[in-house]
Amino acid sequence: MVGFGVALIFAYYSAPDLAITQLLVETLTVVLFMFVVLRLPPLKAISGRLTRVRDALMTTALGGLITIYYSRLLISSSTMPSPISWRR
């Protein structure tokens, strides 16, 4: 979806060649991705219930830790230095 939006931006700024290229690449990528997804085996045949629950807990915990880390990083670096053009 982002690629289609970028194509619209290209078209808006009078770059039809880039817009057409972006639309073709995005459409081809979506079609190929869907072919791959349709060929995947069912999830239940790959792993058991306990494995899926364990993996879900681990990914949730890791995602939460990363979110907390980057939130603290953004909050601690909220003071921006003055631009160079303002210095004398």
PDB file of N, CA and C in Angstrom:
ATOM      1  N   MET A   1       0.817  -1.196   0.000  1.00  0.00           N
ATOM      2  CA  MET A   1       0.000   0.000   0.000  1.00  0.00           C
ATOM      3  C   MET A   1       0.859   1.258   0.000  1.00  0.00           C
ATOM      4  N   VAL A   2       1.999   1.202   0.652  1.00  0.00           N
ATOM      5  CA  VAL A   2       2.866   2.376   0.685  1.00  0.00           C
ATOM      6  C   VAL A   2       3.378   2.689  -0.718  1.00  0.00           C
ATOM      7  N   GLY A   3       3.693   1.650  -1.479  1.00  0.00           N
ATOM      8  CA  GLY A   3       4.187   1.852  -2.831  1.00  0.00           C
ATOM      9  C   GLY A   3       3.170   2.526  -3.731  1.00  0.00           C
ATOM     10  N   PHE A   4       1.899   2.179  -3.568  1.00  0.00           N
ATOM     11  CA  PHE A   4       0.854   2.830  -4.353  1.00  0.00           C
ATOM     12  C   PHE A   4       0.727   4.301  -3.959  1.00  0.00           C
ATOM     13  N   GLY A   5       0.890   4.591  -2.685  1.00  0.00           N
ATOM     14  CA  GLY A   5       0.867   5.985  -2.235  1.00  0.00           C
ATOM     15  C   GLY A   5       2.043   6.773  -2.783  1.00  0.00           C
ATOM     16  N   VAL A   6       3.214   6.148  -2.823  1.00  0.00           N
ATOM     17  CA  VAL A   6       4.390   6.809  -3.388  1.00  0.00           C
ATOM     18  C   VAL A   6       4.172   7.074  -4.879  1.00  0.00           C
ATOM     19  N   ALA A   7       3.530   6.134  -5.569  1.00  0.00           N
ATOM     20  CA  ALA A   7       3.233   6.329  -6.985  1.00  0.00           C
ATOM     21  C   ALA A   7       2.302   7.528  -7.177  1.00  0.00           C
ATOM     22  N   LEU A   8       1.333   7.691  -6.290  1.00  0.00           N
ATOM     23  CA  LEU A   8       0.453   8.856  -6.372  1.00  0.00           C
ATOM     24  C   LEU A   8       1.215  10.157  -6.147  1.00  0.00           C
ATOM     25  N   ILE A   9       2.168  10.121  -5.229  1.00  0.00           N
ATOM     26  CA  ILE A   9       2.983  11.315  -4.989  1.00  0.00           C
ATOM     27  C   ILE A   9       3.816  11.639  -6.225  1.00  0.00           C
ATOM     28  N   PHE A  10       4.399  10.602  -6.844  1.00  0.00           N
ATOM     29  CA  PHE A  10       5.156  10.827  -8.077  1.00  0.00           C
ATOM     30  C   PHE A  10       4.269  11.423  -9.160  1.00  0.00           C
ATOM     31  N   ALA A  11       3.067  10.908  -9.297  1.00  0.00           N
ATOM     32  CA  ALA A  11       2.153  11.423 -10.311  1.00  0.00           C
ATOM     33  C   ALA A  11       1.762  12.868 -10.007  1.00  0.00           C
ATOM     34  N   TYR A  12       1.566  13.190  -8.737  1.00  0.00           N
ATOM     35  CA  TYR A  12       1.196  14.548  -8.336  1.00  0.00           C
ATOM     36  C   TYR A  12       2.297  15.549  -8.683  1.00  0.00           C
ATOM     37  N   TYR A  13       3.556  15.129  -8.495  1.00  0.00           N
ATOM     38  CA  TYR A  13       4.683  16.020  -8.769  1.00  0.00           C
ATOM     39  C   TYR A  13       5.206  15.886 -10.201  1.00  0.00           C
ATOM     40  N   SER A  14       4.339  15.485 -11.113  1.00  0.00           N
ATOM     41  CA  SER A  14       4.629  15.444 -12.552  1.00  0.00           C
ATOM     42  C   SER A  14       5.807  14.548 -12.909  1.00  0.00           C
ATOM     43  N   ALA A  15       5.810  13.343 -12.378  1.00  0.00           N
ATOM     44  CA  ALA A  15       6.818  12.352 -12.735  1.00  0.00           C
ATOM     45  C   ALA A  15       6.095  11.064 -13.150  1.00  0.00           C
ATOM     46  N   PRO A  16       5.423  11.079 -14.313  1.00  0.00           N
ATOM     47  CA  PRO A  16       4.621   9.917 -14.703  1.00  0.00           C
ATOM     48  C   PRO A  16       5.450   8.674 -14.959  1.00  0.00           C
ATOM     49  N   ASP A  17       6.691   8.815 -15.407  1.00  0.00           N
ATOM     50  CA  ASP A  17       7.521   7.643 -15.638  1.00  0.00           C
ATOM     51  C   ASP A  17       7.838   6.930 -14.332  1.00  0.00           C
ATOM     52  N   LEU A  18       8.157   7.689 -13.301  1.00  0.00           N
ATOM     53  CA  LEU A  18       8.404   7.082 -11.995  1.00  0.00           C
ATOM     54  C   LEU A  18       7.129   6.487 -11.403  1.00  0.00           C
ATOM     55  N   ALA A  19       6.011   7.160 -11.614  1.00  0.00           N
ATOM     56  CA  ALA A  19       4.741   6.658 -11.081  1.00  0.00           C
ATOM     57  C   ALA A  19       4.366   5.327 -11.726  1.00  0.00           C
ATOM     58  N   ILE A  20       4.511   5.221 -13.042  1.00  0.00           N
ATOM     59  CA  ILE A  20       4.179   3.963 -13.720  1.00  0.00           C
ATOM     60  C   ILE A  20       5.129   2.853 -13.278  1.00  0.00           C
ATOM     61  N   THR A  21       6.415   3.158 -13.184  1.00  0.00           N
ATOM     62  CA  THR A  21       7.384   2.162 -12.726  1.00  0.00           C
ATOM     63  C   THR A  21       7.049   1.694 -11.319  1.00  0.00           C
ATOM     64  N   GLN A  22       6.730   2.628 -10.435  1.00  0.00           N
ATOM     65  CA  GLN A  22       6.389   2.272  -9.062  1.00  0.00           C
ATOM     66  C   GLN A  22       5.133   1.411  -9.010  1.00  0.00           C
ATOM     67  N   LEU A  23       4.129   1.739  -9.793  1.00  0.00           N
ATOM     68  CA  LEU A  23       2.902   0.934  -9.827  1.00  0.00           C
ATOM     69  C   LEU A  23       3.180  -0.484 -10.322  1.00  0.00           C
ATOM     70  N   LEU A  24       3.989  -0.609 -11.373  1.00  0.00           N
ATOM     71  CA  LEU A  24       4.300  -1.938 -11.897  1.00  0.00           C
ATOM     72  C   LEU A  24       5.097  -2.773 -10.899  1.00  0.00           C
ATOM     73  N   VAL A  25       6.087  -2.170 -10.280  1.00  0.00           N
ATOM     74  CA  VAL A  25       6.899  -2.894  -9.297  1.00  0.00           C
ATOM     75  C   VAL A  25       6.052  -3.294  -8.099  1.00  0.00           C
ATOM     76  N   GLU A  26       5.228  -2.393  -7.614  1.00  0.00           N
ATOM     77  CA  GLU A  26       4.379  -2.693  -6.454  1.00  0.00           C
ATOM     78  C   GLU A  26       3.379  -3.806  -6.775  1.00  0.00           C
ATOM     79  N   THR A  27       2.763  -3.750  -7.941  1.00  0.00           N
ATOM     80  CA  THR A  27       1.797  -4.772  -8.330  1.00  0.00           C
ATOM     81  C   THR A  27       2.473  -6.126  -8.492  1.00  0.00           C
ATOM     82  N   LEU A  28       3.638  -6.156  -9.144  1.00  0.00           N
ATOM     83  CA  LEU A  28       4.367  -7.414  -9.310  1.00  0.00           C
ATOM     84  C   LEU A  28       4.788  -7.988  -7.961  1.00  0.00           C
ATOM     85  N   THR A  29       5.224  -7.138  -7.049  1.00  0.00           N
ATOM     86  CA  THR A  29       5.626  -7.594  -5.721  1.00  0.00           C
ATOM     87  C   THR A  29       4.444  -8.205  -4.969  1.00  0.00           C
ATOM     88  N   VAL A  30       3.296  -7.574  -5.031  1.00  0.00           N
ATOM     89  CA  VAL A  30       2.113  -8.100  -4.352  1.00  0.00           C
ATOM     90  C   VAL A  30       1.696  -9.439  -4.955  1.00  0.00           C
ATOM     91  N   VAL A  31       1.714  -9.546  -6.261  1.00  0.00           N
ATOM     92  CA  VAL A  31       1.326 -10.800  -6.918  1.00  0.00           C
ATOM     93  C   VAL A  31       2.293 -11.925  -6.550  1.00  0.00           C
ATOM     94  N   LEU A  32       3.593 -11.667  -6.603  1.00  0.00           N
ATOM     95  CA  LEU A  32       4.570 -12.696  -6.240  1.00  0.00           C
ATOM     96  C   LEU A  32       4.449 -13.081  -4.769  1.00  0.00           C
ATOM     97  N   PHE A  33       4.231 -12.103  -3.917  1.00  0.00           N
ATOM     98  CA  PHE A  33       4.064 -12.381  -2.489  1.00  0.00           C
ATOM     99  C   PHE A  33       2.843 -13.277  -2.254  1.00  0.00           C
ATOM    100  N   MET A  34       1.764 -13.021  -2.969  1.00  0.00           N
ATOM    101  CA  MET A  34       0.557 -13.842  -2.796  1.00  0.00           C
ATOM    102  C   MET A  34       0.784 -15.272  -3.291  1.00  0.00           C
ATOM    103  N   PHE A  35       1.539 -15.440  -4.389  1.00  0.00           N
ATOM    104  CA  PHE A  35       1.869 -16.787  -4.841  1.00  0.00           C
ATOM    105  C   PHE A  35       2.667 -17.548  -3.780  1.00  0.00           C
ATOM    106  N   VAL A  36       3.604 -16.872  -3.142  1.00  0.00           N
ATOM    107  CA  VAL A  36       4.403 -17.509  -2.088  1.00  0.00           C
ATOM    108  C   VAL A  36       3.522 -17.856  -0.893  1.00  0.00           C
ATOM    109  N   VAL A  37       2.656 -16.947  -0.486  1.00  0.00           N
ATOM    110  CA  VAL A  37       1.784 -17.192   0.671  1.00  0.00           C
ATOM    111  C   VAL A  37       0.840 -18.362   0.401  1.00  0.00           C
ATOM    112  N   LEU A  38       0.322 -18.464  -0.802  1.00  0.00           N
ATOM    113  CA  LEU A  38      -0.589 -19.563  -1.125  1.00  0.00           C
ATOM    114  C   LEU A  38       0.109 -20.915  -1.137  1.00  0.00           C
ATOM    115  N   ARG A  39       1.415 -20.935  -1.355  1.00  0.00           N
ATOM    116  CA  ARG A  39       2.162 -22.193  -1.400  1.00  0.00           C
ATOM    117  C   ARG A  39       2.666 -22.640  -0.027  1.00  0.00           C
ATOM    118  N   LEU A  40       2.509 -21.818   0.993  1.00  0.00           N
ATOM    119  CA  LEU A  40       2.990 -22.177   2.322  1.00  0.00           C
ATOM    120  C   LEU A  40       2.153 -23.309   2.917  1.00  0.00           C
ATOM    121  N   PRO A  41       2.797 -24.184   3.698  1.00  0.00           N
ATOM    122  CA  PRO A  41       2.021 -25.242   4.358  1.00  0.00           C
ATOM    123  C   PRO A  41       1.185 -24.655   5.488  1.00  0.00           C
ATOM    124  N   PRO A  42       0.155 -25.358   5.915  1.00  0.00           N
ATOM    125  CA  PRO A  42      -0.654 -24.866   7.038  1.00  0.00           C
ATOM    126  C   PRO A  42       0.189 -24.731   8.304  1.00  0.00           C
ATOM    127  N   LEU A  43      -0.144 -23.767   9.125  1.00  0.00           N
ATOM    128  CA  LEU A  43       0.640 -23.489  10.326  1.00  0.00           C
ATOM    129  C   LEU A  43       0.574 -24.632  11.325  1.00  0.00           C
ATOM    130  N   LYS A  44      -0.554 -25.306  11.422  1.00  0.00           N
ATOM    131  CA  LYS A  44      -0.694 -26.386  12.396  1.00  0.00           C
ATOM    132  C   LYS A  44       0.227 -27.559  12.085  1.00  0.00           C
ATOM    133  N   ALA A  45       0.576 -27.754  10.825  1.00  0.00           N
ATOM    134  CA  ALA A  45       1.454 -28.858  10.454  1.00  0.00           C
ATOM    135  C   ALA A  45       2.908 -28.555  10.803  1.00  0.00           C
ATOM    136  N   ILE A  46       3.241 -27.299  11.026  1.00  0.00           N
ATOM    137  CA  ILE A  46       4.631 -26.932  11.297  1.00  0.00           C
ATOM    138  C   ILE A  46       4.969 -27.077  12.774  1.00  0.00           C
ATOM    139  N   SER A  47       4.120 -26.589  13.656  1.00  0.00           N
ATOM    140  CA  SER A  47       4.450 -26.591  15.079  1.00  0.00           C
ATOM    141  C   SER A  47       3.215 -26.867  15.920  1.00  0.00           C
ATOM    142  N   GLY A  48       3.485 -27.283  17.144  1.00  0.00           N
ATOM    143  CA  GLY A  48       2.405 -27.580  18.071  1.00  0.00           C
ATOM    144  C   GLY A  48       1.921 -26.337  18.789  1.00  0.00           C
ATOM    145  N   ARG A  49       0.854 -26.506  19.560  1.00  0.00           N
ATOM    146  CA  ARG A  49       0.246 -25.384  20.270  1.00  0.00           C
ATOM    147  C   ARG A  49       1.209 -24.782  21.292  1.00  0.00           C
ATOM    148  N   LEU A  50       1.908 -25.628  22.034  1.00  0.00           N
ATOM    149  CA  LEU A  50       2.835 -25.142  23.059  1.00  0.00           C
ATOM    150  C   LEU A  50       3.960 -24.318  22.432  1.00  0.00           C
ATOM    151  N   THR A  51       4.456 -24.740  21.300  1.00  0.00           N
ATOM    152  CA  THR A  51       5.516 -24.002  20.609  1.00  0.00           C
ATOM    153  C   THR A  51       5.021 -22.648  20.146  1.00  0.00           C
ATOM    154  N   ARG A  52       3.810 -22.587  19.617  1.00  0.00           N
ATOM    155  CA  ARG A  52       3.270 -21.308  19.153  1.00  0.00           C
ATOM    156  C   ARG A  52       3.044 -20.352  20.315  1.00  0.00           C
ATOM    157  N   VAL A  53       2.558 -20.866  21.449  1.00  0.00           N
ATOM    158  CA  VAL A  53       2.338 -20.015  22.624  1.00  0.00           C
ATOM    159  C   VAL A  53       3.681 -19.485  23.137  1.00  0.00           C
ATOM    160  N   ARG A  54       4.689 -20.350  23.199  1.00  0.00           N
ATOM    161  CA  ARG A  54       6.018 -19.933  23.649  1.00  0.00           C
ATOM    162  C   ARG A  54       6.583 -18.852  22.718  1.00  0.00           C
ATOM    163  N   ASP A  55       6.467 -19.066  21.418  1.00  0.00           N
ATOM    164  CA  ASP A  55       6.973 -18.087  20.456  1.00  0.00           C
ATOM    165  C   ASP A  55       6.227 -16.765  20.564  1.00  0.00           C
ATOM    166  N   ALA A  56       4.918 -16.816  20.784  1.00  0.00           N
ATOM    167  CA  ALA A  56       4.132 -15.585  20.923  1.00  0.00           C
ATOM    168  C   ALA A  56       4.552 -14.816  22.167  1.00  0.00           C
ATOM    169  N   LEU A  57       4.791 -15.509  23.272  1.00  0.00           N
ATOM    170  CA  LEU A  57       5.230 -14.835  24.494  1.00  0.00           C
ATOM    171  C   LEU A  57       6.615 -14.216  24.326  1.00  0.00           C
ATOM    172  N   MET A  58       7.513 -14.943  23.683  1.00  0.00           N
ATOM    173  CA  MET A  58       8.866 -14.421  23.483  1.00  0.00           C
ATOM    174  C   MET A  58       8.865 -13.193  22.582  1.00  0.00           C
ATOM    175  N   THR A  59       8.100 -13.229  21.501  1.00  0.00           N
ATOM    176  CA  THR A  59       8.083 -12.082  20.597  1.00  0.00           C
ATOM    177  C   THR A  59       7.391 -10.881  21.234  1.00  0.00           C
ATOM    178  N   THR A  60       6.355 -11.136  22.037  1.00  0.00           N
ATOM    179  CA  THR A  60       5.686 -10.035  22.738  1.00  0.00           C
ATOM    180  C   THR A  60       6.628  -9.390  23.747  1.00  0.00           C
ATOM    181  N   ALA A  61       7.363 -10.208  24.478  1.00  0.00           N
ATOM    182  CA  ALA A  61       8.310  -9.676  25.464  1.00  0.00           C
ATOM    183  C   ALA A  61       9.421  -8.888  24.783  1.00  0.00           C
ATOM    184  N   LEU A  62       9.970  -9.419  23.713  1.00  0.00           N
ATOM    185  CA  LEU A  62      11.043  -8.716  23.014  1.00  0.00           C
ATOM    186  C   LEU A  62      10.528  -7.422  22.382  1.00  0.00           C
ATOM    187  N   GLY A  63       9.355  -7.454  21.789  1.00  0.00           N
ATOM    188  CA  GLY A  63       8.774  -6.247  21.221  1.00  0.00           C
ATOM    189  C   GLY A  63       8.513  -5.190  22.282  1.00  0.00           C
ATOM    190  N   GLY A  64       8.043  -5.625  23.451  1.00  0.00           N
ATOM    191  CA  GLY A  64       7.828  -4.684  24.553  1.00  0.00           C
ATOM    192  C   GLY A  64       9.124  -4.060  25.036  1.00  0.00           C
ATOM    193  N   LEU A  65      10.178  -4.862  25.150  1.00  0.00           N
ATOM    194  CA  LEU A  65      11.471  -4.325  25.578  1.00  0.00           C
ATOM    195  C   LEU A  65      12.021  -3.318  24.565  1.00  0.00           C
ATOM    196  N   ILE A  66      11.908  -3.625  23.307  1.00  0.00           N
ATOM    197  CA  ILE A  66      12.390  -2.703  22.278  1.00  0.00           C
ATOM    198  C   ILE A  66      11.578  -1.410  22.297  1.00  0.00           C
ATOM    199  N   THR A  67      10.262  -1.523  22.482  1.00  0.00           N
ATOM    200  CA  THR A  67       9.409  -0.335  22.554  1.00  0.00           C
ATOM    201  C   THR A  67       9.789   0.534  23.739  1.00  0.00           C
ATOM    202  N   ILE A  68      10.008  -0.079  24.894  1.00  0.00           N
ATOM    203  CA  ILE A  68      10.399   0.670  26.087  1.00  0.00           C
ATOM    204  C   ILE A  68      11.756   1.333  25.878  1.00  0.00           C
ATOM    205  N   TYR A  69      12.711   0.599  25.284  1.00  0.00           N
ATOM    206  CA  TYR A  69      14.051   1.155  25.048  1.00  0.00           C
ATOM    207  C   TYR A  69      13.985   2.384  24.145  1.00  0.00           C
ATOM    208  N   TYR A  70      13.298   2.270  23.022  1.00  0.00           N
ATOM    209  CA  TYR A  70      13.244   3.399  22.090  1.00  0.00           C
ATOM    210  C   TYR A  70      12.390   4.539  22.634  1.00  0.00           C
ATOM    211  N   SER A  71      11.381   4.242  23.435  1.00  0.00           N
ATOM    212  CA  SER A  71      10.600   5.309  24.053  1.00  0.00           C
ATOM    213  C   SER A  71      11.466   6.105  25.013  1.00  0.00           C
ATOM    214  N   ARG A  72      12.248   5.414  25.826  1.00  0.00           N
ATOM    215  CA  ARG A  72      13.139   6.105  26.753  1.00  0.00           C
ATOM    216  C   ARG A  72      14.213   6.884  25.999  1.00  0.00           C
ATOM    217  N   LEU A  73      14.685   6.322  24.896  1.00  0.00           N
ATOM    218  CA  LEU A  73      15.693   7.011  24.094  1.00  0.00           C
ATOM    219  C   LEU A  73      15.131   8.296  23.507  1.00  0.00           C
ATOM    220  N   LEU A  74      13.908   8.255  23.010  1.00  0.00           N
ATOM    221  CA  LEU A  74      13.286   9.450  22.443  1.00  0.00           C
ATOM    222  C   LEU A  74      12.985  10.490  23.510  1.00  0.00           C
ATOM    223  N   ILE A  75      12.534  10.034  24.675  1.00  0.00           N
ATOM    224  CA  ILE A  75      12.208  10.971  25.748  1.00  0.00           C
ATOM    225  C   ILE A  75      13.475  11.639  26.282  1.00  0.00           C
ATOM    226  N   SER A  76      14.557  10.876  26.432  1.00  0.00           N
ATOM    227  CA  SER A  76      15.783  11.437  26.997  1.00  0.00           C
ATOM    228  C   SER A  76      16.483  12.386  26.033  1.00  0.00           C
ATOM    229  N   SER A  77      16.282  12.217  24.736  1.00  0.00           N
ATOM    230  CA  SER A  77      16.941  13.088  23.767  1.00  0.00           C
ATOM    231  C   SER A  77      15.958  14.091  23.165  1.00  0.00           C
ATOM    232  N   SER A  78      15.004  14.542  23.977  1.00  0.00           N
ATOM    233  CA  SER A  78      13.987  15.455  23.458  1.00  0.00           C
ATOM    234  C   SER A  78      14.496  16.881  23.314  1.00  0.00           C
ATOM    235  N   THR A  79      15.611  17.227  23.963  1.00  0.00           N
ATOM    236  CA  THR A  79      16.153  18.569  23.806  1.00  0.00           C
ATOM    237  C   THR A  79      17.002  18.599  22.546  1.00  0.00           C
ATOM    238  N   MET A  80      16.634  19.475  21.660  1.00  0.00           N
ATOM    239  CA  MET A  80      17.336  19.580  20.387  1.00  0.00           C
ATOM    240  C   MET A  80      18.322  20.740  20.468  1.00  0.00           C
ATOM    241  N   PRO A  81      19.516  20.565  19.898  1.00  0.00           N
ATOM    242  CA  PRO A  81      20.446  21.697  19.884  1.00  0.00           C
ATOM    243  C   PRO A  81      19.944  22.767  18.922  1.00  0.00           C
ATOM    244  N   SER A  82      20.385  23.988  19.149  1.00  0.00           N
ATOM    245  CA  SER A  82      19.944  25.069  18.268  1.00  0.00           C
ATOM    246  C   SER A  82      20.581  24.885  16.888  1.00  0.00           C
ATOM    247  N   PRO A  83      19.887  25.283  15.835  1.00  0.00           N
ATOM    248  CA  PRO A  83      20.433  25.145  14.486  1.00  0.00           C
ATOM    249  C   PRO A  83      21.710  25.957  14.303  1.00  0.00           C
ATOM    250  N   ILE A  84      22.550  25.534  13.393  1.00  0.00           N
ATOM    251  CA  ILE A  84      23.814  26.220  13.140  1.00  0.00           C
ATOM    252  C   ILE A  84      23.569  27.658  12.667  1.00  0.00           C
ATOM    253  N   SER A  85      22.509  27.863  11.924  1.00  0.00           N
ATOM    254  CA  SER A  85      22.257  29.209  11.381  1.00  0.00           C
ATOM    255  C   SER A  85      21.936  30.228  12.473  1.00  0.00           C
ATOM    256  N   TRP A  86      21.596  29.799  13.675  1.00  0.00           N
ATOM    257  CA  TRP A  86      21.293  30.728  14.761  1.00  0.00           C
ATOM    258  C   TRP A  86      22.540  31.104  15.552  1.00  0.00           C
ATOM    259  N   ARG A  87      23.609  30.346  15.404  1.00  0.00           N
ATOM    260  CA  ARG A  87      24.831  30.628  16.157  1.00  0.00           C
ATOM    261  C   ARG A  87      25.583  31.789  15.527  1.00  0.00           C
ATOM    262  N   ARG A  88      26.349  32.477  16.371  1.00  0.00           N
ATOM    263  CA  ARG A  88      27.138  33.617  15.873  1.00  0.00           C
ATOM    264  C   ARG A  88      28.594  33.333  15.955  1.00  0.00           C
TER     265      ARG A  88
END
